[in-house]
N, C-alpha and C. Protein backbone atom coordinates (compact mmCIF):
# COMPACT_ATOMS: atom_id res chain seq x y z
N MET A 1 0.84 -1.17 -0.06
CA MET A 1 -0.04 -0.04 -0.02
C MET A 1 0.88 1.18 -0.04
N SER A 2 0.65 2.11 -0.93
CA SER A 2 1.51 3.41 -0.95
C SER A 2 0.83 4.44 -0.16
N GLU A 3 1.66 5.20 0.54
CA GLU A 3 1.06 6.38 1.22
C GLU A 3 1.03 7.61 0.40
N LEU A 4 -0.05 8.27 0.47
CA LEU A 4 -0.16 9.50 -0.30
C LEU A 4 0.30 10.75 0.55
N ALA A 5 0.95 11.56 -0.15
CA ALA A 5 1.40 12.77 0.56
C ALA A 5 0.27 13.58 1.04
N PRO A 6 0.31 14.20 2.27
CA PRO A 6 -0.78 15.00 2.77
C PRO A 6 -0.90 16.28 1.91
N PRO A 7 -2.17 16.69 1.77
CA PRO A 7 -2.38 17.95 0.91
C PRO A 7 -1.78 19.18 1.67
N ILE A 8 -1.29 19.99 0.81
CA ILE A 8 -0.59 21.25 1.29
C ILE A 8 -1.36 22.39 0.83
N TYR A 9 -1.55 23.33 1.77
CA TYR A 9 -2.32 24.59 1.44
C TYR A 9 -1.47 25.38 0.52
N VAL A 10 -1.94 25.72 -0.63
CA VAL A 10 -1.24 26.69 -1.57
C VAL A 10 -2.31 27.62 -2.02
N ARG A 11 -1.87 29.01 -1.91
CA ARG A 11 -2.74 30.00 -2.39
C ARG A 11 -2.62 30.05 -3.89
N LEU A 12 -3.76 30.04 -4.63
CA LEU A 12 -3.67 30.16 -6.01
C LEU A 12 -3.93 31.55 -6.51
N GLY A 13 -2.99 32.11 -7.32
CA GLY A 13 -3.20 33.43 -7.87
C GLY A 13 -2.73 34.64 -7.11
N GLY A 14 -2.67 34.50 -5.83
CA GLY A 14 -2.11 35.60 -5.01
C GLY A 14 -3.26 36.69 -4.82
N PRO A 15 -2.89 37.74 -4.16
CA PRO A 15 -3.91 38.80 -3.88
C PRO A 15 -4.33 39.55 -5.17
N PRO A 16 -5.53 39.94 -5.23
CA PRO A 16 -5.96 40.67 -6.49
C PRO A 16 -5.19 41.97 -6.73
N ARG A 17 -4.98 42.25 -7.95
CA ARG A 17 -4.32 43.52 -8.39
C ARG A 17 -5.26 44.73 -8.13
N LEU A 18 -4.60 45.80 -7.99
CA LEU A 18 -5.38 47.06 -7.82
C LEU A 18 -5.98 47.55 -9.09
N GLY A 19 -7.05 48.23 -9.04
CA GLY A 19 -7.70 48.79 -10.31
C GLY A 19 -6.96 49.93 -10.81
N TRP A 20 -7.29 50.46 -11.97
CA TRP A 20 -6.70 51.49 -12.65
C TRP A 20 -6.74 52.78 -11.88
N LEU A 21 -7.83 52.99 -11.12
CA LEU A 21 -7.95 54.26 -10.36
C LEU A 21 -6.98 54.27 -9.22
N SER A 22 -6.83 53.11 -8.47
CA SER A 22 -5.82 53.03 -7.39
C SER A 22 -4.45 53.12 -7.95
N ARG A 23 -4.18 52.62 -8.99
CA ARG A 23 -2.83 52.70 -9.61
C ARG A 23 -2.52 54.16 -10.00
N LEU A 24 -3.48 54.84 -10.61
CA LEU A 24 -3.36 56.21 -10.96
C LEU A 24 -3.07 57.06 -9.71
N LEU A 25 -3.87 56.78 -8.61
CA LEU A 25 -3.59 57.49 -7.34
C LEU A 25 -2.16 57.25 -6.82
N ALA A 26 -1.73 56.10 -6.99
CA ALA A 26 -0.30 55.77 -6.49
C ALA A 26 0.70 56.50 -7.44
N LEU A 27 0.48 56.59 -8.65
CA LEU A 27 1.33 57.32 -9.48
C LEU A 27 1.30 58.89 -9.13
N ALA A 28 0.07 59.36 -8.79
CA ALA A 28 -0.02 60.71 -8.40
C ALA A 28 0.70 61.05 -7.09
N ILE A 29 0.66 60.11 -6.21
CA ILE A 29 1.43 60.23 -4.96
C ILE A 29 2.86 60.19 -5.23
N ALA A 30 3.35 59.43 -6.23
CA ALA A 30 4.74 59.31 -6.59
C ALA A 30 5.12 60.64 -7.20
N LEU A 31 4.32 61.21 -8.03
CA LEU A 31 4.57 62.57 -8.58
C LEU A 31 4.70 63.64 -7.54
N GLY A 32 3.81 63.65 -6.56
CA GLY A 32 3.86 64.55 -5.43
C GLY A 32 5.19 64.48 -4.62
N ALA A 33 5.63 63.23 -4.36
CA ALA A 33 6.86 62.99 -3.68
C ALA A 33 8.05 63.54 -4.47
N LEU A 34 8.03 63.24 -5.82
CA LEU A 34 9.05 63.68 -6.67
C LEU A 34 9.09 65.22 -6.77
N CYS A 35 8.02 65.85 -6.77
CA CYS A 35 7.99 67.23 -6.78
C CYS A 35 8.65 67.86 -5.51
N VAL A 36 8.43 67.30 -4.41
CA VAL A 36 9.08 67.70 -3.18
C VAL A 36 10.61 67.54 -3.33
N LEU A 37 11.04 66.40 -3.74
CA LEU A 37 12.43 66.11 -3.80
C LEU A 37 13.13 67.05 -4.92
N LEU A 38 12.44 67.25 -6.06
CA LEU A 38 12.96 68.19 -7.11
C LEU A 38 13.05 69.65 -6.58
N THR A 39 12.00 70.02 -5.84
CA THR A 39 12.04 71.37 -5.20
C THR A 39 13.24 71.43 -4.27
N ALA A 40 13.49 70.45 -3.44
CA ALA A 40 14.70 70.51 -2.66
C ALA A 40 15.94 70.53 -3.41
N ALA A 41 16.02 69.95 -4.45
CA ALA A 41 17.27 69.96 -5.25
C ALA A 41 17.48 71.33 -5.85
N ARG A 42 16.55 72.18 -6.07
CA ARG A 42 16.73 73.51 -6.59
C ARG A 42 17.21 74.46 -5.52
N LEU A 43 17.13 74.09 -4.31
CA LEU A 43 17.44 75.07 -3.20
C LEU A 43 18.97 74.79 -2.75
N ILE A 44 19.55 75.86 -2.40
CA ILE A 44 20.99 75.76 -1.87
C ILE A 44 20.88 75.79 -0.36
N PRO A 45 21.33 74.72 0.31
CA PRO A 45 21.19 74.66 1.77
C PRO A 45 21.90 75.82 2.37
N GLU A 46 21.36 76.44 3.37
CA GLU A 46 21.95 77.47 4.16
C GLU A 46 23.02 76.96 5.10
N ALA A 47 24.13 77.56 5.25
CA ALA A 47 25.22 76.95 6.00
C ALA A 47 24.88 76.92 7.47
N GLY A 48 24.07 77.86 7.98
CA GLY A 48 23.60 77.88 9.38
C GLY A 48 22.64 76.81 9.74
N GLY A 49 22.05 76.10 8.68
CA GLY A 49 21.08 75.03 8.98
C GLY A 49 19.56 75.53 9.10
N ILE A 50 19.43 76.90 8.93
CA ILE A 50 18.05 77.54 9.08
C ILE A 50 17.92 78.54 7.99
N GLY A 51 16.79 78.61 7.33
CA GLY A 51 16.40 79.64 6.47
C GLY A 51 16.47 79.27 5.02
N THR A 52 16.69 78.06 4.71
CA THR A 52 16.67 77.65 3.34
C THR A 52 15.41 77.85 2.66
N HIS A 53 14.22 77.83 3.46
CA HIS A 53 12.87 77.84 2.88
C HIS A 53 12.60 79.25 2.39
N THR A 54 13.36 80.31 2.78
CA THR A 54 13.14 81.70 2.28
C THR A 54 13.47 81.79 0.83
N GLN A 55 14.17 80.81 0.19
CA GLN A 55 14.48 80.74 -1.23
C GLN A 55 13.21 80.46 -2.02
N LEU A 56 12.19 79.97 -1.35
CA LEU A 56 10.92 79.66 -1.95
C LEU A 56 9.96 80.82 -1.85
N GLY A 57 10.44 81.98 -1.30
CA GLY A 57 9.62 83.08 -1.12
C GLY A 57 8.82 83.16 0.26
N LEU A 58 9.11 82.20 1.04
CA LEU A 58 8.45 82.15 2.37
C LEU A 58 9.13 83.07 3.28
N ALA A 59 8.41 83.53 4.33
CA ALA A 59 8.99 84.36 5.33
C ALA A 59 9.97 83.69 6.28
N PRO A 60 10.85 84.37 6.91
CA PRO A 60 11.67 83.71 7.94
C PRO A 60 10.82 83.22 9.09
N CYS A 61 11.35 82.31 9.77
CA CYS A 61 10.54 81.72 10.96
C CYS A 61 10.27 82.75 11.97
N ALA A 62 8.99 83.08 12.16
CA ALA A 62 8.54 84.13 13.14
C ALA A 62 8.83 83.63 14.59
N PHE A 63 8.67 82.37 14.85
CA PHE A 63 9.02 81.87 16.21
C PHE A 63 10.52 82.07 16.55
N LEU A 64 11.33 81.83 15.63
CA LEU A 64 12.87 82.03 15.79
C LEU A 64 13.09 83.59 16.00
N ASP A 65 12.52 84.38 15.10
CA ASP A 65 12.75 85.82 15.13
C ASP A 65 12.26 86.45 16.55
N ARG A 66 11.08 85.93 17.10
CA ARG A 66 10.58 86.43 18.25
C ARG A 66 11.19 85.89 19.53
N THR A 67 11.58 84.64 19.56
CA THR A 67 12.03 84.08 20.73
C THR A 67 13.53 83.78 20.77
N GLY A 68 14.10 83.68 19.58
CA GLY A 68 15.50 83.25 19.43
C GLY A 68 15.67 81.84 19.61
N ILE A 69 14.56 81.07 19.61
CA ILE A 69 14.67 79.63 19.76
C ILE A 69 13.98 79.03 18.45
N PRO A 70 14.56 78.12 17.76
CA PRO A 70 14.03 77.46 16.61
C PRO A 70 12.77 76.71 16.94
N CYS A 71 11.88 76.81 16.00
CA CYS A 71 10.59 76.04 16.04
C CYS A 71 10.90 74.61 15.71
N ALA A 72 9.86 73.78 15.83
CA ALA A 72 10.20 72.32 15.60
C ALA A 72 10.40 72.01 14.11
N GLY A 73 9.98 72.99 13.30
CA GLY A 73 10.20 72.81 11.82
C GLY A 73 11.56 73.45 11.30
N CYS A 74 12.19 74.21 12.19
CA CYS A 74 13.37 74.90 11.61
C CYS A 74 14.45 73.81 11.23
N GLY A 75 14.93 74.04 9.99
CA GLY A 75 15.99 73.21 9.51
C GLY A 75 15.48 72.03 8.62
N MET A 76 14.16 71.88 8.50
CA MET A 76 13.61 70.80 7.68
C MET A 76 13.91 71.01 6.18
N THR A 77 13.75 72.18 5.68
CA THR A 77 13.98 72.44 4.25
C THR A 77 15.53 72.24 3.99
N THR A 78 16.38 72.74 4.98
CA THR A 78 17.78 72.66 4.80
C THR A 78 18.18 71.16 4.76
N SER A 79 17.48 70.38 5.59
CA SER A 79 17.73 68.96 5.70
C SER A 79 17.40 68.27 4.40
N PHE A 80 16.32 68.52 3.82
CA PHE A 80 15.88 68.01 2.58
C PHE A 80 16.90 68.47 1.40
N ALA A 81 17.31 69.74 1.44
CA ALA A 81 18.21 70.14 0.44
C ALA A 81 19.56 69.40 0.53
N HIS A 82 20.05 69.08 1.71
CA HIS A 82 21.21 68.32 1.87
C HIS A 82 20.97 66.84 1.38
N PHE A 83 19.79 66.27 1.81
CA PHE A 83 19.48 64.93 1.49
C PHE A 83 19.54 64.67 -0.03
N VAL A 84 18.92 65.51 -0.75
CA VAL A 84 18.85 65.20 -2.20
C VAL A 84 20.17 65.31 -2.88
N ARG A 85 21.12 66.00 -2.26
CA ARG A 85 22.48 66.05 -2.75
C ARG A 85 23.40 64.91 -2.26
N GLY A 86 22.79 63.89 -1.56
CA GLY A 86 23.59 62.84 -1.00
C GLY A 86 24.33 63.19 0.22
N GLN A 87 24.14 64.33 0.90
CA GLN A 87 24.90 64.83 2.01
C GLN A 87 24.14 64.32 3.21
N VAL A 88 24.05 63.01 3.53
CA VAL A 88 23.31 62.47 4.57
C VAL A 88 23.69 62.94 5.95
N PHE A 89 24.94 63.07 6.21
CA PHE A 89 25.26 63.53 7.51
C PHE A 89 24.93 65.01 7.81
N ALA A 90 25.05 65.79 6.72
CA ALA A 90 24.67 67.25 6.89
C ALA A 90 23.18 67.27 6.98
N SER A 91 22.48 66.45 6.25
CA SER A 91 21.02 66.45 6.43
C SER A 91 20.59 66.06 7.78
N PHE A 92 21.25 65.04 8.37
CA PHE A 92 20.91 64.63 9.71
C PHE A 92 21.21 65.71 10.77
N PHE A 93 22.31 66.33 10.52
CA PHE A 93 22.83 67.41 11.44
C PHE A 93 21.87 68.63 11.40
N ALA A 94 21.41 68.97 10.16
CA ALA A 94 20.57 70.20 10.02
C ALA A 94 19.29 70.01 10.82
N GLN A 95 18.65 68.78 10.73
CA GLN A 95 17.37 68.48 11.37
C GLN A 95 17.18 66.98 11.30
N PRO A 96 17.41 66.25 12.33
CA PRO A 96 17.26 64.79 12.32
C PRO A 96 15.91 64.25 11.78
N PHE A 97 14.80 64.95 12.19
CA PHE A 97 13.48 64.60 11.79
C PHE A 97 13.26 64.92 10.30
N GLY A 98 13.93 66.03 9.91
CA GLY A 98 13.88 66.38 8.53
C GLY A 98 14.59 65.28 7.66
N PHE A 99 15.74 64.72 8.07
CA PHE A 99 16.30 63.63 7.48
C PHE A 99 15.37 62.50 7.30
N VAL A 100 14.69 62.09 8.42
CA VAL A 100 13.83 60.91 8.40
C VAL A 100 12.62 61.24 7.37
N LEU A 101 12.21 62.36 7.41
CA LEU A 101 11.06 62.76 6.46
C LEU A 101 11.60 62.68 5.05
N ALA A 102 12.78 63.09 4.77
CA ALA A 102 13.35 63.05 3.52
C ALA A 102 13.48 61.57 2.99
N VAL A 103 13.97 60.73 3.90
CA VAL A 103 14.09 59.29 3.56
C VAL A 103 12.72 58.74 3.31
N CYS A 104 11.77 59.06 4.12
CA CYS A 104 10.41 58.63 3.89
C CYS A 104 9.79 59.13 2.60
N THR A 105 10.12 60.37 2.17
CA THR A 105 9.62 60.86 0.89
C THR A 105 10.24 60.07 -0.26
N ALA A 106 11.51 59.74 -0.11
CA ALA A 106 12.20 58.95 -1.14
C ALA A 106 11.58 57.52 -1.20
N VAL A 107 11.28 57.00 -0.03
CA VAL A 107 10.75 55.64 -0.03
C VAL A 107 9.28 55.75 -0.62
N VAL A 108 8.48 56.72 -0.20
CA VAL A 108 7.10 56.80 -0.79
C VAL A 108 7.20 56.97 -2.28
N PHE A 109 8.15 57.69 -2.83
CA PHE A 109 8.29 57.83 -4.25
C PHE A 109 8.42 56.50 -4.94
N TRP A 110 9.44 55.80 -4.46
CA TRP A 110 9.75 54.48 -5.07
C TRP A 110 8.65 53.45 -4.89
N GLY A 111 8.14 53.46 -3.59
CA GLY A 111 6.98 52.57 -3.32
C GLY A 111 5.74 52.84 -4.15
N ALA A 112 5.49 54.15 -4.31
CA ALA A 112 4.23 54.43 -5.13
C ALA A 112 4.47 54.06 -6.61
N ILE A 113 5.66 54.33 -7.11
CA ILE A 113 6.03 53.83 -8.53
C ILE A 113 5.77 52.40 -8.61
N TYR A 114 6.25 51.65 -7.61
CA TYR A 114 6.09 50.18 -7.69
C TYR A 114 4.61 49.79 -7.63
N VAL A 115 3.75 50.43 -6.76
CA VAL A 115 2.40 50.11 -6.66
C VAL A 115 1.66 50.48 -7.91
N GLY A 116 1.99 51.66 -8.44
CA GLY A 116 1.35 52.19 -9.69
C GLY A 116 1.60 51.36 -10.93
N THR A 117 2.87 50.81 -10.99
CA THR A 117 3.21 50.15 -12.14
C THR A 117 2.86 48.58 -12.09
N THR A 118 3.01 48.03 -10.87
CA THR A 118 2.60 46.65 -10.72
C THR A 118 1.22 46.33 -10.37
N GLY A 119 0.58 47.26 -9.68
CA GLY A 119 -0.83 47.04 -9.19
C GLY A 119 -0.80 46.23 -7.92
N LYS A 120 0.30 45.99 -7.27
CA LYS A 120 0.36 45.19 -6.01
C LYS A 120 0.23 46.23 -4.87
N ALA A 121 -0.80 45.89 -4.00
CA ALA A 121 -1.03 46.89 -2.86
C ALA A 121 0.05 46.72 -1.86
N SER A 122 0.40 47.88 -1.17
CA SER A 122 1.49 47.85 -0.13
C SER A 122 0.93 48.01 1.26
N TYR A 123 -0.36 48.28 1.39
CA TYR A 123 -0.85 48.67 2.65
C TYR A 123 -0.78 47.50 3.71
N ARG A 124 -0.59 46.30 3.27
CA ARG A 124 -0.52 45.16 4.12
C ARG A 124 0.82 45.29 5.06
N LEU A 125 1.80 45.96 4.53
CA LEU A 125 3.12 46.06 5.28
C LEU A 125 2.89 47.02 6.43
N LEU A 126 2.09 48.09 6.16
CA LEU A 126 1.79 49.09 7.22
C LEU A 126 0.93 48.49 8.29
N LEU A 127 0.00 47.60 7.88
CA LEU A 127 -0.94 47.00 8.87
C LEU A 127 -0.24 46.14 9.89
N MET A 128 0.97 45.70 9.50
CA MET A 128 1.74 44.79 10.51
C MET A 128 2.16 45.63 11.79
N ILE A 129 2.24 46.90 11.66
CA ILE A 129 2.74 47.72 12.83
C ILE A 129 1.46 48.57 13.36
N PRO A 130 1.09 48.35 14.60
CA PRO A 130 -0.06 49.05 15.10
C PRO A 130 0.13 50.55 14.98
N LEU A 131 -1.07 51.30 14.85
CA LEU A 131 -1.01 52.73 14.64
C LEU A 131 -0.33 53.42 15.85
N LYS A 132 -0.58 52.91 17.11
CA LYS A 132 0.02 53.60 18.22
C LYS A 132 1.53 53.52 18.17
N ALA A 133 2.06 52.41 17.57
CA ALA A 133 3.57 52.25 17.38
C ALA A 133 4.04 53.36 16.42
N HIS A 134 3.28 53.57 15.36
CA HIS A 134 3.65 54.62 14.44
C HIS A 134 3.70 55.93 15.02
N LEU A 135 2.52 56.22 15.78
CA LEU A 135 2.36 57.63 16.41
C LEU A 135 3.39 57.82 17.40
N PHE A 136 3.68 56.99 18.26
CA PHE A 136 4.71 57.24 19.27
C PHE A 136 6.08 57.37 18.66
N PHE A 137 6.40 56.54 17.70
CA PHE A 137 7.68 56.72 17.01
C PHE A 137 7.80 58.01 16.34
N TRP A 138 6.89 58.51 15.56
CA TRP A 138 6.97 59.70 14.82
C TRP A 138 6.92 60.97 15.78
N LEU A 139 6.12 60.93 16.83
CA LEU A 139 6.00 62.05 17.71
C LEU A 139 7.31 62.11 18.56
N GLY A 140 7.84 60.96 18.94
CA GLY A 140 9.07 60.87 19.74
C GLY A 140 10.23 61.35 18.88
N PHE A 141 10.31 60.95 17.66
CA PHE A 141 11.41 61.36 16.81
C PHE A 141 11.40 62.79 16.46
N ALA A 142 10.16 63.33 16.30
CA ALA A 142 9.99 64.79 16.11
C ALA A 142 10.42 65.62 17.26
N ALA A 143 10.13 65.11 18.42
CA ALA A 143 10.53 65.84 19.64
C ALA A 143 12.00 65.80 19.84
N LEU A 144 12.61 64.57 19.50
CA LEU A 144 14.15 64.53 19.66
C LEU A 144 14.79 65.39 18.58
N GLY A 145 14.22 65.44 17.33
CA GLY A 145 14.78 66.30 16.36
C GLY A 145 14.74 67.80 16.80
N TRP A 146 13.64 68.19 17.40
CA TRP A 146 13.57 69.64 17.96
C TRP A 146 14.48 69.88 18.97
N ILE A 147 14.72 68.92 19.95
CA ILE A 147 15.67 69.09 21.03
C ILE A 147 17.13 69.21 20.39
N TRP A 148 17.43 68.35 19.38
CA TRP A 148 18.63 68.43 18.73
C TRP A 148 18.88 69.81 18.17
N LYS A 149 17.76 70.40 17.47
CA LYS A 149 17.98 71.68 16.84
C LYS A 149 18.11 72.81 17.91
N LEU A 150 17.36 72.65 19.04
CA LEU A 150 17.69 73.64 20.07
C LEU A 150 18.96 73.63 20.57
N ILE A 151 19.62 72.52 20.83
CA ILE A 151 20.97 72.36 21.34
C ILE A 151 21.87 72.92 20.22
N ALA A 152 21.64 72.63 19.10
CA ALA A 152 22.58 73.12 17.96
C ALA A 152 22.60 74.65 17.88
N VAL A 153 21.40 75.27 17.99
CA VAL A 153 21.29 76.70 17.84
C VAL A 153 21.86 77.42 19.09
N VAL A 154 21.55 76.83 20.22
CA VAL A 154 22.03 77.41 21.51
C VAL A 154 23.54 77.38 21.58
N SER A 155 24.13 76.24 21.17
CA SER A 155 25.63 76.08 21.26
C SER A 155 26.27 76.87 20.24
N SER A 156 25.66 77.35 19.14
CA SER A 156 26.34 78.12 18.17
C SER A 156 26.33 79.61 18.47
N HIS A 157 25.54 79.98 19.45
CA HIS A 157 25.48 81.42 19.83
C HIS A 157 26.36 81.74 21.01
């Protein structure tokens, strides 16, 4: 008597592909991320780590002007401008959270290109990590980035 191999569960076909509207949305997201990165590439990073955004026609940081203390967003644009030039250490030094956001923007660009061209959904990866973990990580890192910027500005004066 011959023994038969036990049946093995095999998923046939894999998850369904995204529709054209979802793929178009992913490509639009990729285009938005690319615009942010290209805008940063047009800017010349300020040597002091603050004020690069004024090249876009924006006003200087009012919080910094009034208090002498940088706001939580000070250095973000400078960080992006360094990042797109491949100056990762300068990007991190200018604003650590700006560096993380620049990396995330690049990842979103490439991820959205992948989703838009292949039609494979990527949301399952994000569902593996609970929302509270995301929230605490991002808020904590933003706070640490602000503290870093405060120390950098105070020590330079």
